[in-house]
């Protein structure tokens, strides 16, 4: 096999929100990451850790405060709206919460045709043919064309959302909590569908989720974020995880096989302790293994083996 090619190269990326009444807040802090062509990269962490913000910055739906974003060997960090428009069909998003992502006054045909109307000069008949073909790809027939969002189940709406994201034949798709609002049986169907479509269309996914089981099922690598910082990157999140936060996430996840479960791990949750530290490791106030160095220096993300990276002083010293 040839050497993998990077679709995205993200360097020293920051997203800061300023408020005169409050201290500045970093949704994403000094992020360095590559996304390889053809891979499914998982992104996990608690709500508010910066997952969706990072995904939106890659699509330039949010403007970075600092850093660089290289897409297909083009530096798109400072691209204007018109410049992004020329490559917008290459990158799309499956939005979180399909019930709220659709205009309630639009039919399925109108929902899926919206990207085509914005970026394609094809005839109405040709667009309709594409929409019907895409619906079939996601497991829906043309009778759904005239339906509205409220007339469909959560799984059906999610399939429509996938069809809309893929109708322009993109190269990269951000899946933002794509299976969070559907039941377990339907979740597995959607995960299988996403995997099949990835093979058919040679897609690259950034799969954002808090569902560890879903991430482990389809992702090639997994990035773990905490308060805007990447704390661990690993190929198998049920494998040899090292960071205390990753272990805590696994401990909070129901895994059917008792042998694969992490020991119960209690984090510090006192309200005072959850304040973001002014310096040092961002996880220090909740970590069971905090040392003096954790309070003084922010750990760097360093390689352990192959694709495994960790940012943890406790790991360095043991």
C-alpha atoms as a PDB file:
ATOM      1  CA  UNK A   1       0.000   0.000   0.000  1.00  0.00           C
ATOM      2  CA  UNK A   2       1.182   3.540  -0.750  1.00  0.00           C
ATOM      3  CA  UNK A   3       1.763   6.150   1.890  1.00  0.00           C
ATOM      4  CA  UNK A   4      -1.434   7.848   3.055  1.00  0.00           C
ATOM      5  CA  UNK A   5      -2.052  11.422   1.909  1.00  0.00           C
ATOM      6  CA  UNK A   6      -3.315  14.143   4.235  1.00  0.00           C
ATOM      7  CA  UNK A   7      -6.562  15.824   3.239  1.00  0.00           C
ATOM      8  CA  UNK A   8      -6.332  18.295   6.141  1.00  0.00           C
ATOM      9  CA  UNK A   9      -3.306  19.654   7.963  1.00  0.00           C
ATOM     10  CA  UNK A  10      -4.259  21.737  11.002  1.00  0.00           C
ATOM     11  CA  UNK A  11      -1.528  23.742  12.715  1.00  0.00           C
ATOM     12  CA  UNK A  12      -1.668  25.711  16.002  1.00  0.00           C
ATOM     13  CA  UNK A  13      -5.415  26.271  15.632  1.00  0.00           C
ATOM     14  CA  UNK A  14      -7.254  28.440  18.169  1.00  0.00           C
ATOM     15  CA  UNK A  15     -10.825  29.636  18.566  1.00  0.00           C
ATOM     16  CA  UNK A  16     -11.264  32.273  21.254  1.00  0.00           C
ATOM     17  CA  UNK A  17     -14.478  33.983  22.357  1.00  0.00           C
ATOM     18  CA  UNK A  18     -14.021  37.364  24.046  1.00  0.00           C
ATOM     19  CA  UNK A  19     -16.476  38.952  26.447  1.00  0.00           C
ATOM     20  CA  UNK A  20     -15.727  42.204  28.272  1.00  0.00           C
ATOM     21  CA  UNK A  21     -17.558  40.997  31.387  1.00  0.00           C
ATOM     22  CA  UNK A  22     -15.860  37.592  31.493  1.00  0.00           C
ATOM     23  CA  UNK A  23     -12.391  36.143  30.885  1.00  0.00           C
ATOM     24  CA  UNK A  24     -11.689  34.979  27.326  1.00  0.00           C
ATOM     25  CA  UNK A  25     -12.756  31.411  26.592  1.00  0.00           C
ATOM     26  CA  UNK A  26     -10.907  29.083  24.225  1.00  0.00           C
ATOM     27  CA  UNK A  27     -13.266  26.661  22.482  1.00  0.00           C
ATOM     28  CA  UNK A  28     -10.260  25.214  20.615  1.00  0.00           C
ATOM     29  CA  UNK A  29      -6.716  25.645  21.934  1.00  0.00           C
ATOM     30  CA  UNK A  30      -3.463  25.102  20.023  1.00  0.00           C
ATOM     31  CA  UNK A  31      -4.767  22.151  18.011  1.00  0.00           C
ATOM     32  CA  UNK A  32      -2.386  20.289  15.708  1.00  0.00           C
ATOM     33  CA  UNK A  33      -3.941  17.493  13.682  1.00  0.00           C
ATOM     34  CA  UNK A  34      -3.942  15.754  10.310  1.00  0.00           C
ATOM     35  CA  UNK A  35      -6.877  14.037   8.620  1.00  0.00           C
ATOM     36  CA  UNK A  36      -5.908  11.441   6.036  1.00  0.00           C
ATOM     37  CA  UNK A  37      -7.732  10.991   2.761  1.00  0.00           C
ATOM     38  CA  UNK A  38     -10.206   8.133   2.976  1.00  0.00           C
ATOM     39  CA  UNK A  39     -10.202   7.767   6.761  1.00  0.00           C
ATOM     40  CA  UNK A  40     -12.963   8.104   9.328  1.00  0.00           C
ATOM     41  CA  UNK A  41     -11.542  10.204  12.137  1.00  0.00           C
ATOM     42  CA  UNK A  42     -13.544  10.115  15.357  1.00  0.00           C
ATOM     43  CA  UNK A  43     -13.739  13.126  17.661  1.00  0.00           C
ATOM     44  CA  UNK A  44     -15.032  12.504  21.193  1.00  0.00           C
ATOM     45  CA  UNK A  45     -15.393  14.400  24.450  1.00  0.00           C
ATOM     46  CA  UNK A  46     -17.988  15.854  26.774  1.00  0.00           C
ATOM     47  CA  UNK A  47     -20.495  18.473  25.613  1.00  0.00           C
ATOM     48  CA  UNK A  48     -18.853  21.877  25.301  1.00  0.00           C
ATOM     49  CA  UNK A  49     -15.333  20.546  24.755  1.00  0.00           C
ATOM     50  CA  UNK A  50     -14.989  22.167  21.317  1.00  0.00           C
ATOM     51  CA  UNK A  51     -15.789  19.234  19.014  1.00  0.00           C
ATOM     52  CA  UNK A  52     -18.420  20.987  16.897  1.00  0.00           C
ATOM     53  CA  UNK A  53     -16.440  24.236  16.853  1.00  0.00           C
ATOM     54  CA  UNK A  54     -13.426  22.420  15.423  1.00  0.00           C
ATOM     55  CA  UNK A  55     -15.589  20.753  12.766  1.00  0.00           C
ATOM     56  CA  UNK A  56     -17.146  24.079  11.770  1.00  0.00           C
ATOM     57  CA  UNK A  57     -13.731  25.737  11.521  1.00  0.00           C
ATOM     58  CA  UNK A  58     -12.556  23.062   9.087  1.00  0.00           C
ATOM     59  CA  UNK A  59     -15.550  23.921   6.893  1.00  0.00           C
ATOM     60  CA  UNK A  60     -14.973  27.663   7.466  1.00  0.00           C
ATOM     61  CA  UNK A  61     -18.396  28.029   9.050  1.00  0.00           C
ATOM     62  CA  UNK A  62     -16.422  29.458  11.987  1.00  0.00           C
ATOM     63  CA  UNK A  63     -13.344  31.622  11.484  1.00  0.00           C
ATOM     64  CA  UNK A  64     -10.246  30.575  13.490  1.00  0.00           C
ATOM     65  CA  UNK A  65      -8.745  33.125  15.877  1.00  0.00           C
ATOM     66  CA  UNK A  66      -5.226  31.879  15.065  1.00  0.00           C
ATOM     67  CA  UNK A  67      -3.524  29.010  13.257  1.00  0.00           C
ATOM     68  CA  UNK A  68      -3.606  27.485   9.787  1.00  0.00           C
ATOM     69  CA  UNK A  69      -5.961  25.108   7.966  1.00  0.00           C
ATOM     70  CA  UNK A  70      -4.585  23.366   4.876  1.00  0.00           C
ATOM     71  CA  UNK A  71      -7.174  21.530   2.752  1.00  0.00           C
ATOM     72  CA  UNK A  72      -6.002  19.558  -0.276  1.00  0.00           C
ATOM     73  CA  UNK A  73      -2.686  21.436  -0.140  1.00  0.00           C
ATOM     74  CA  UNK A  74      -4.486  24.817  -0.182  1.00  0.00           C
ATOM     75  CA  UNK A  75      -4.245  27.190   2.770  1.00  0.00           C
ATOM     76  CA  UNK A  76      -7.919  28.082   3.283  1.00  0.00           C
ATOM     77  CA  UNK A  77      -7.489  29.820   6.656  1.00  0.00           C
ATOM     78  CA  UNK A  78      -8.129  33.315   5.318  1.00  0.00           C
ATOM     79  CA  UNK A  79     -10.331  32.404   2.357  1.00  0.00           C
ATOM     80  CA  UNK A  80     -13.168  34.848   1.730  1.00  0.00           C
ATOM     81  CA  UNK A  81     -16.791  33.786   1.238  1.00  0.00           C
ATOM     82  CA  UNK A  82     -16.356  33.858  -2.554  1.00  0.00           C
ATOM     83  CA  UNK A  83     -13.136  31.838  -2.396  1.00  0.00           C
ATOM     84  CA  UNK A  84     -14.801  29.228  -0.181  1.00  0.00           C
ATOM     85  CA  UNK A  85     -17.752  29.078  -2.539  1.00  0.00           C
ATOM     86  CA  UNK A  86     -15.466  27.642  -5.235  1.00  0.00           C
ATOM     87  CA  UNK A  87     -14.571  24.643  -3.039  1.00  0.00           C
ATOM     88  CA  UNK A  88     -17.734  24.405  -0.903  1.00  0.00           C
ATOM     89  CA  UNK A  89     -19.008  21.419  -2.877  1.00  0.00           C
ATOM     90  CA  UNK A  90     -15.899  19.518  -1.709  1.00  0.00           C
ATOM     91  CA  UNK A  91     -16.855  19.747   1.976  1.00  0.00           C
ATOM     92  CA  UNK A  92     -20.248  19.297   3.580  1.00  0.00           C
ATOM     93  CA  UNK A  93     -21.813  18.665   6.988  1.00  0.00           C
ATOM     94  CA  UNK A  94     -24.428  16.316   8.432  1.00  0.00           C
ATOM     95  CA  UNK A  95     -25.873  18.549  11.131  1.00  0.00           C
ATOM     96  CA  UNK A  96     -26.724  17.604  14.686  1.00  0.00           C
ATOM     97  CA  UNK A  97     -30.450  17.123  15.349  1.00  0.00           C
ATOM     98  CA  UNK A  98     -32.165  16.355  12.032  1.00  0.00           C
ATOM     99  CA  UNK A  99     -35.518  17.599  13.381  1.00  0.00           C
ATOM    100  CA  UNK A 100     -34.118  21.119  13.796  1.00  0.00           C
ATOM    101  CA  UNK A 101     -31.764  21.114  10.797  1.00  0.00           C
ATOM    102  CA  UNK A 102     -34.584  21.155   8.224  1.00  0.00           C
ATOM    103  CA  UNK A 103     -36.854  24.029   7.252  1.00  0.00           C
ATOM    104  CA  UNK A 104     -40.293  22.768   8.416  1.00  0.00           C
ATOM    105  CA  UNK A 105     -41.918  24.348   5.347  1.00  0.00           C
ATOM    106  CA  UNK A 106     -39.680  22.436   2.912  1.00  0.00           C
ATOM    107  CA  UNK A 107     -40.409  19.055   1.381  1.00  0.00           C
ATOM    108  CA  UNK A 108     -37.662  16.441   1.129  1.00  0.00           C
ATOM    109  CA  UNK A 109     -37.112  17.406  -2.509  1.00  0.00           C
ATOM    110  CA  UNK A 110     -36.667  21.066  -1.564  1.00  0.00           C
ATOM    111  CA  UNK A 111     -34.313  20.164   1.301  1.00  0.00           C
ATOM    112  CA  UNK A 112     -32.002  18.068  -0.860  1.00  0.00           C
ATOM    113  CA  UNK A 113     -32.198  20.381  -3.881  1.00  0.00           C
ATOM    114  CA  UNK A 114     -31.071  23.441  -1.888  1.00  0.00           C
ATOM    115  CA  UNK A 115     -27.305  22.725  -2.309  1.00  0.00           C
ATOM    116  CA  UNK A 116     -27.851  21.939  -5.992  1.00  0.00           C
ATOM    117  CA  UNK A 117     -29.684  25.227  -6.515  1.00  0.00           C
ATOM    118  CA  UNK A 118     -26.780  27.089  -4.913  1.00  0.00           C
ATOM    119  CA  UNK A 119     -23.897  25.327  -6.641  1.00  0.00           C
ATOM    120  CA  UNK A 120     -25.184  23.610  -9.791  1.00  0.00           C
ATOM    121  CA  UNK A 121     -26.285  25.031 -13.147  1.00  0.00           C
ATOM    122  CA  UNK A 122     -28.039  21.817 -14.218  1.00  0.00           C
ATOM    123  CA  UNK A 123     -31.641  21.722 -15.368  1.00  0.00           C
ATOM    124  CA  UNK A 124     -34.492  21.108 -12.911  1.00  0.00           C
ATOM    125  CA  UNK A 125     -35.105  17.702 -14.497  1.00  0.00           C
ATOM    126  CA  UNK A 126     -31.451  16.686 -14.101  1.00  0.00           C
ATOM    127  CA  UNK A 127     -31.435  17.837 -10.486  1.00  0.00           C
ATOM    128  CA  UNK A 128     -34.560  15.812  -9.757  1.00  0.00           C
ATOM    129  CA  UNK A 129     -32.935  12.701 -11.251  1.00  0.00           C
ATOM    130  CA  UNK A 130     -29.912  13.215  -8.994  1.00  0.00           C
ATOM    131  CA  UNK A 131     -32.116  13.642  -5.929  1.00  0.00           C
ATOM    132  CA  UNK A 132     -34.062  10.441  -6.634  1.00  0.00           C
ATOM    133  CA  UNK A 133     -30.819   8.522  -7.217  1.00  0.00           C
ATOM    134  CA  UNK A 134     -29.349   9.852  -3.957  1.00  0.00           C
ATOM    135  CA  UNK A 135     -32.489   8.965  -2.018  1.00  0.00           C
ATOM    136  CA  UNK A 136     -32.140   5.406  -3.276  1.00  0.00           C
ATOM    137  CA  UNK A 137     -28.494   5.397  -2.139  1.00  0.00           C
ATOM    138  CA  UNK A 138     -29.590   6.227   1.417  1.00  0.00           C
ATOM    139  CA  UNK A 139     -32.420   3.684   1.430  1.00  0.00           C
ATOM    140  CA  UNK A 140     -35.450   5.864   0.609  1.00  0.00           C
ATOM    141  CA  UNK A 141     -37.649   5.809  -2.503  1.00  0.00           C
ATOM    142  CA  UNK A 142     -39.072   8.706  -4.499  1.00  0.00           C
ATOM    143  CA  UNK A 143     -42.357   8.697  -2.550  1.00  0.00           C
ATOM    144  CA  UNK A 144     -40.436  10.639   0.115  1.00  0.00           C
ATOM    145  CA  UNK A 145     -39.925  13.602  -2.242  1.00  0.00           C
ATOM    146  CA  UNK A 146     -43.165  15.294  -1.170  1.00  0.00           C
ATOM    147  CA  UNK A 147     -42.886  14.561   2.565  1.00  0.00           C
ATOM    148  CA  UNK A 148     -42.109  17.102   5.243  1.00  0.00           C
ATOM    149  CA  UNK A 149     -39.732  16.619   8.163  1.00  0.00           C
ATOM    150  CA  UNK A 150     -42.486  16.042  10.739  1.00  0.00           C
ATOM    151  CA  UNK A 151     -43.937  13.236   8.595  1.00  0.00           C
ATOM    152  CA  UNK A 152     -40.800  11.087   8.970  1.00  0.00           C
ATOM    153  CA  UNK A 153     -39.109   9.147  11.743  1.00  0.00           C
ATOM    154  CA  UNK A 154     -35.775  10.218  13.215  1.00  0.00           C
ATOM    155  CA  UNK A 155     -33.953   7.603  11.162  1.00  0.00           C
ATOM    156  CA  UNK A 156     -35.651   8.695   7.941  1.00  0.00           C
ATOM    157  CA  UNK A 157     -34.831  12.360   8.604  1.00  0.00           C
ATOM    158  CA  UNK A 158     -31.229  11.401   9.240  1.00  0.00           C
ATOM    159  CA  UNK A 159     -31.095   9.605   5.874  1.00  0.00           C
ATOM    160  CA  UNK A 160     -32.419  12.756   4.208  1.00  0.00           C
ATOM    161  CA  UNK A 161     -29.712  14.760   5.993  1.00  0.00           C
ATOM    162  CA  UNK A 162     -27.080  12.381   4.655  1.00  0.00           C
ATOM    163  CA  UNK A 163     -28.539  12.659   1.139  1.00  0.00           C
ATOM    164  CA  UNK A 164     -28.398  16.455   1.319  1.00  0.00           C
ATOM    165  CA  UNK A 165     -24.765  16.373   2.465  1.00  0.00           C
ATOM    166  CA  UNK A 166     -23.723  14.023  -0.347  1.00  0.00           C
ATOM    167  CA  UNK A 167     -25.740  15.474  -3.230  1.00  0.00           C
ATOM    168  CA  UNK A 168     -22.801  17.675  -4.360  1.00  0.00           C
ATOM    169  CA  UNK A 169     -20.417  14.696  -4.319  1.00  0.00           C
ATOM    170  CA  UNK A 170     -18.106  16.111  -1.622  1.00  0.00           C
ATOM    171  CA  UNK A 171     -14.704  14.765  -0.663  1.00  0.00           C
ATOM    172  CA  UNK A 172     -14.993  15.557   3.054  1.00  0.00           C
ATOM    173  CA  UNK A 173     -17.998  15.336   5.384  1.00  0.00           C
ATOM    174  CA  UNK A 174     -18.310  16.416   9.008  1.00  0.00           C
ATOM    175  CA  UNK A 175     -20.791  14.116  10.774  1.00  0.00           C
ATOM    176  CA  UNK A 176     -21.832  16.134  13.840  1.00  0.00           C
ATOM    177  CA  UNK A 177     -23.587  13.768  16.285  1.00  0.00           C
ATOM    178  CA  UNK A 178     -25.117  12.004  13.282  1.00  0.00           C
ATOM    179  CA  UNK A 179     -26.595   9.159  15.373  1.00  0.00           C
ATOM    180  CA  UNK A 180     -27.326  10.917  18.668  1.00  0.00           C
ATOM    181  CA  UNK A 181     -31.097  11.275  18.366  1.00  0.00           C
ATOM    182  CA  UNK A 182     -32.106   7.829  17.089  1.00  0.00           C
ATOM    183  CA  UNK A 183     -32.686   4.467  18.762  1.00  0.00           C
ATOM    184  CA  UNK A 184     -30.113   1.686  18.995  1.00  0.00           C
ATOM    185  CA  UNK A 185     -31.388  -0.448  16.084  1.00  0.00           C
ATOM    186  CA  UNK A 186     -31.645   2.532  13.744  1.00  0.00           C
ATOM    187  CA  UNK A 187     -28.257   3.793  14.949  1.00  0.00           C
ATOM    188  CA  UNK A 188     -26.555   0.631  13.710  1.00  0.00           C
ATOM    189  CA  UNK A 189     -28.312   0.964  10.349  1.00  0.00           C
ATOM    190  CA  UNK A 190     -27.131   4.563   9.942  1.00  0.00           C
ATOM    191  CA  UNK A 191     -23.559   3.637  10.931  1.00  0.00           C
ATOM    192  CA  UNK A 192     -23.575   0.835   8.349  1.00  0.00           C
ATOM    193  CA  UNK A 193     -25.002   3.231   5.751  1.00  0.00           C
ATOM    194  CA  UNK A 194     -22.296   5.825   6.453  1.00  0.00           C
ATOM    195  CA  UNK A 195     -19.596   3.173   6.110  1.00  0.00           C
ATOM    196  CA  UNK A 196     -21.059   1.879   2.827  1.00  0.00           C
ATOM    197  CA  UNK A 197     -21.380   5.391   1.384  1.00  0.00           C
ATOM    198  CA  UNK A 198     -17.817   6.173   2.401  1.00  0.00           C
ATOM    199  CA  UNK A 199     -16.645   3.229   0.278  1.00  0.00           C
ATOM    200  CA  UNK A 200     -18.921   4.082  -2.675  1.00  0.00           C
ATOM    201  CA  UNK A 201     -17.993   7.763  -2.869  1.00  0.00           C
ATOM    202  CA  UNK A 202     -14.387   7.629  -1.558  1.00  0.00           C
ATOM    203  CA  UNK A 203     -15.303   9.947   1.313  1.00  0.00           C
ATOM    204  CA  UNK A 204     -13.346  11.202   4.295  1.00  0.00           C
ATOM    205  CA  UNK A 205     -15.314  11.722   7.517  1.00  0.00           C
ATOM    206  CA  UNK A 206     -14.789  13.686  10.691  1.00  0.00           C
ATOM    207  CA  UNK A 207     -17.184  11.748  12.939  1.00  0.00           C
ATOM    208  CA  UNK A 208     -18.081  13.871  15.979  1.00  0.00           C
ATOM    209  CA  UNK A 209     -19.838  11.996  18.770  1.00  0.00           C
ATOM    210  CA  UNK A 210     -20.111  11.398  22.496  1.00  0.00           C
ATOM    211  CA  UNK A 211     -21.110   7.781  21.753  1.00  0.00           C
ATOM    212  CA  UNK A 212     -17.944   5.744  22.345  1.00  0.00           C
ATOM    213  CA  UNK A 213     -19.488   2.532  20.976  1.00  0.00           C
ATOM    214  CA  UNK A 214     -20.464   4.209  17.687  1.00  0.00           C
ATOM    215  CA  UNK A 215     -17.042   5.807  17.324  1.00  0.00           C
ATOM    216  CA  UNK A 216     -15.246   2.541  17.994  1.00  0.00           C
ATOM    217  CA  UNK A 217     -17.416   0.734  15.450  1.00  0.00           C
ATOM    218  CA  UNK A 218     -16.582   2.800  12.377  1.00  0.00           C
ATOM    219  CA  UNK A 219     -13.564   5.048  13.062  1.00  0.00           C
ATOM    220  CA  UNK A 220      -9.983   4.402  11.964  1.00  0.00           C
ATOM    221  CA  UNK A 221      -8.549   6.784  14.580  1.00  0.00           C
ATOM    222  CA  UNK A 222     -10.068   8.612  17.531  1.00  0.00           C
ATOM    223  CA  UNK A 223      -9.214  12.077  18.859  1.00  0.00           C
ATOM    224  CA  UNK A 224     -10.159  12.829  22.480  1.00  0.00           C
ATOM    225  CA  UNK A 225     -10.811  16.485  23.387  1.00  0.00           C
ATOM    226  CA  UNK A 226     -11.170  18.169  26.755  1.00  0.00           C
ATOM    227  CA  UNK A 227     -11.894  21.903  27.114  1.00  0.00           C
ATOM    228  CA  UNK A 228     -10.658  22.625  23.595  1.00  0.00           C
ATOM    229  CA  UNK A 229      -7.437  20.615  23.978  1.00  0.00           C
ATOM    230  CA  UNK A 230      -6.541  17.308  22.338  1.00  0.00           C
ATOM    231  CA  UNK A 231      -5.460  14.989  25.161  1.00  0.00           C
ATOM    232  CA  UNK A 232      -5.117  11.687  23.283  1.00  0.00           C
ATOM    233  CA  UNK A 233      -5.189  10.252  19.753  1.00  0.00           C
ATOM    234  CA  UNK A 234      -5.583   6.491  19.448  1.00  0.00           C
ATOM    235  CA  UNK A 235      -6.520   3.896  16.818  1.00  0.00           C
ATOM    236  CA  UNK A 236      -8.814   1.883  19.109  1.00  0.00           C
ATOM    237  CA  UNK A 237     -10.440   3.700  21.990  1.00  0.00           C
ATOM    238  CA  UNK A 238     -11.165   0.402  23.729  1.00  0.00           C
ATOM    239  CA  UNK A 239      -7.482  -0.469  23.415  1.00  0.00           C
ATOM    240  CA  UNK A 240      -4.460   0.759  25.335  1.00  0.00           C
ATOM    241  CA  UNK A 241      -5.768   4.172  26.401  1.00  0.00           C
ATOM    242  CA  UNK A 242      -3.454   6.117  28.703  1.00  0.00           C
ATOM    243  CA  UNK A 243      -4.917   9.523  29.476  1.00  0.00           C
ATOM    244  CA  UNK A 244      -6.976   9.687  32.711  1.00  0.00           C
ATOM    245  CA  UNK A 245      -9.749  11.595  30.915  1.00  0.00           C
ATOM    246  CA  UNK A 246     -10.055   8.964  28.169  1.00  0.00           C
ATOM    247  CA  UNK A 247     -10.198   6.273  30.856  1.00  0.00           C
ATOM    248  CA  UNK A 248     -12.935   8.215  32.630  1.00  0.00           C
ATOM    249  CA  UNK A 249     -14.963   8.447  29.406  1.00  0.00           C
ATOM    250  CA  UNK A 250     -14.695   4.686  28.977  1.00  0.00           C
ATOM    251  CA  UNK A 251     -15.665   4.091  32.608  1.00  0.00           C
ATOM    252  CA  UNK A 252     -18.861   6.076  32.005  1.00  0.00           C
ATOM    253  CA  UNK A 253     -19.734   4.020  28.906  1.00  0.00           C
ATOM    254  CA  UNK A 254     -21.804   0.853  29.122  1.00  0.00           C
ATOM    255  CA  UNK A 255     -19.784  -1.922  27.452  1.00  0.00           C
ATOM    256  CA  UNK A 256     -21.530  -5.347  27.226  1.00  0.00           C
ATOM    257  CA  UNK A 257     -18.347  -7.368  27.810  1.00  0.00           C
ATOM    258  CA  UNK A 258     -17.392  -7.062  31.526  1.00  0.00           C
ATOM    259  CA  UNK A 259     -13.780  -7.964  30.715  1.00  0.00           C
ATOM    260  CA  UNK A 260     -13.434  -4.859  28.532  1.00  0.00           C
ATOM    261  CA  UNK A 261     -14.868  -2.401  31.051  1.00  0.00           C
ATOM    262  CA  UNK A 262     -12.637   0.108  32.769  1.00  0.00           C
ATOM    263  CA  UNK A 263     -12.639   0.135  36.545  1.00  0.00           C
ATOM    264  CA  UNK A 264     -15.035   2.682  38.007  1.00  0.00           C
ATOM    265  CA  UNK A 265     -13.231   5.989  37.939  1.00  0.00           C
ATOM    266  CA  UNK A 266     -14.513   8.933  39.941  1.00  0.00           C
ATOM    267  CA  UNK A 267     -13.495  12.424  38.827  1.00  0.00           C
ATOM    268  CA  UNK A 268     -13.461  15.476  41.020  1.00  0.00           C
ATOM    269  CA  UNK A 269     -16.700  17.367  40.378  1.00  0.00           C
ATOM    270  CA  UNK A 270     -16.758  20.150  42.968  1.00  0.00           C
ATOM    271  CA  UNK A 271     -17.921  23.355  41.288  1.00  0.00           C
ATOM    272  CA  UNK A 272     -14.821  25.257  42.354  1.00  0.00           C
ATOM    273  CA  UNK A 273     -12.572  22.517  40.998  1.00  0.00           C
ATOM    274  CA  UNK A 274     -14.192  22.644  37.548  1.00  0.00           C
ATOM    275  CA  UNK A 275     -12.914  26.148  36.802  1.00  0.00           C
ATOM    276  CA  UNK A 276     -10.491  26.291  33.881  1.00  0.00           C
ATOM    277  CA  UNK A 277      -6.927  26.516  35.243  1.00  0.00           C
ATOM    278  CA  UNK A 278      -4.952  29.647  34.385  1.00  0.00           C
ATOM    279  CA  UNK A 279      -1.897  27.543  33.552  1.00  0.00           C
ATOM    280  CA  UNK A 280      -0.748  23.937  33.387  1.00  0.00           C
ATOM    281  CA  UNK A 281      -2.835  20.949  32.318  1.00  0.00           C
ATOM    282  CA  UNK A 282      -6.495  21.780  31.611  1.00  0.00           C
ATOM    283  CA  UNK A 283      -7.544  18.516  33.277  1.00  0.00           C
ATOM    284  CA  UNK A 284      -5.647  19.064  36.540  1.00  0.00           C
ATOM    285  CA  UNK A 285      -8.700  20.019  38.650  1.00  0.00           C
ATOM    286  CA  UNK A 286     -10.551  16.790  37.840  1.00  0.00           C
ATOM    287  CA  UNK A 287      -7.647  14.368  37.629  1.00  0.00           C
ATOM    288  CA  UNK A 288      -6.887  11.778  40.321  1.00  0.00           C
ATOM    289  CA  UNK A 289      -3.164  11.858  39.491  1.00  0.00           C
ATOM    290  CA  UNK A 290      -2.395  15.593  39.517  1.00  0.00           C
ATOM    291  CA  UNK A 291       1.223  16.438  40.359  1.00  0.00           C
ATOM    292  CA  UNK A 292       2.993  19.766  40.823  1.00  0.00           C
ATOM    293  CA  UNK A 293       4.234  19.707  37.226  1.00  0.00           C
ATOM    294  CA  UNK A 294       0.607  19.429  36.045  1.00  0.00           C
ATOM    295  CA  UNK A 295      -0.166  22.757  37.725  1.00  0.00           C
ATOM    296  CA  UNK A 296       2.849  24.504  36.226  1.00  0.00           C
ATOM    297  CA  UNK A 297       3.244  23.209  32.660  1.00  0.00           C
ATOM    298  CA  UNK A 298       0.803  22.248  29.943  1.00  0.00           C
ATOM    299  CA  UNK A 299       1.718  18.778  28.629  1.00  0.00           C
ATOM    300  CA  UNK A 300       2.597  18.411  24.946  1.00  0.00           C
ATOM    301  CA  UNK A 301       0.966  15.836  22.696  1.00  0.00           C
ATOM    302  CA  UNK A 302       3.726  13.256  22.196  1.00  0.00           C
ATOM    303  CA  UNK A 303       3.802   9.917  20.323  1.00  0.00           C
ATOM    304  CA  UNK A 304       3.626   6.658  22.255  1.00  0.00           C
ATOM    305  CA  UNK A 305       3.550   4.131  19.415  1.00  0.00           C
ATOM    306  CA  UNK A 306       2.536   4.547  15.780  1.00  0.00           C
ATOM    307  CA  UNK A 307      -0.711   6.529  15.693  1.00  0.00           C
ATOM    308  CA  UNK A 308      -1.006   6.778  19.489  1.00  0.00           C
ATOM    309  CA  UNK A 309      -0.382  10.251  20.985  1.00  0.00           C
ATOM    310  CA  UNK A 310      -0.823  11.373  24.599  1.00  0.00           C
ATOM    311  CA  UNK A 311      -0.687  14.712  26.435  1.00  0.00           C
ATOM    312  CA  UNK A 312      -0.182  13.748  30.096  1.00  0.00           C
ATOM    313  CA  UNK A 313       2.611  14.396  32.619  1.00  0.00           C
ATOM    314  CA  UNK A 314       1.574  11.337  34.663  1.00  0.00           C
ATOM    315  CA  UNK A 315       2.100   9.128  31.611  1.00  0.00           C
ATOM    316  CA  UNK A 316       5.491  10.756  30.883  1.00  0.00           C
ATOM    317  CA  UNK A 317       6.696  10.043  34.430  1.00  0.00           C
ATOM    318  CA  UNK A 318       5.444   6.440  34.632  1.00  0.00           C
END
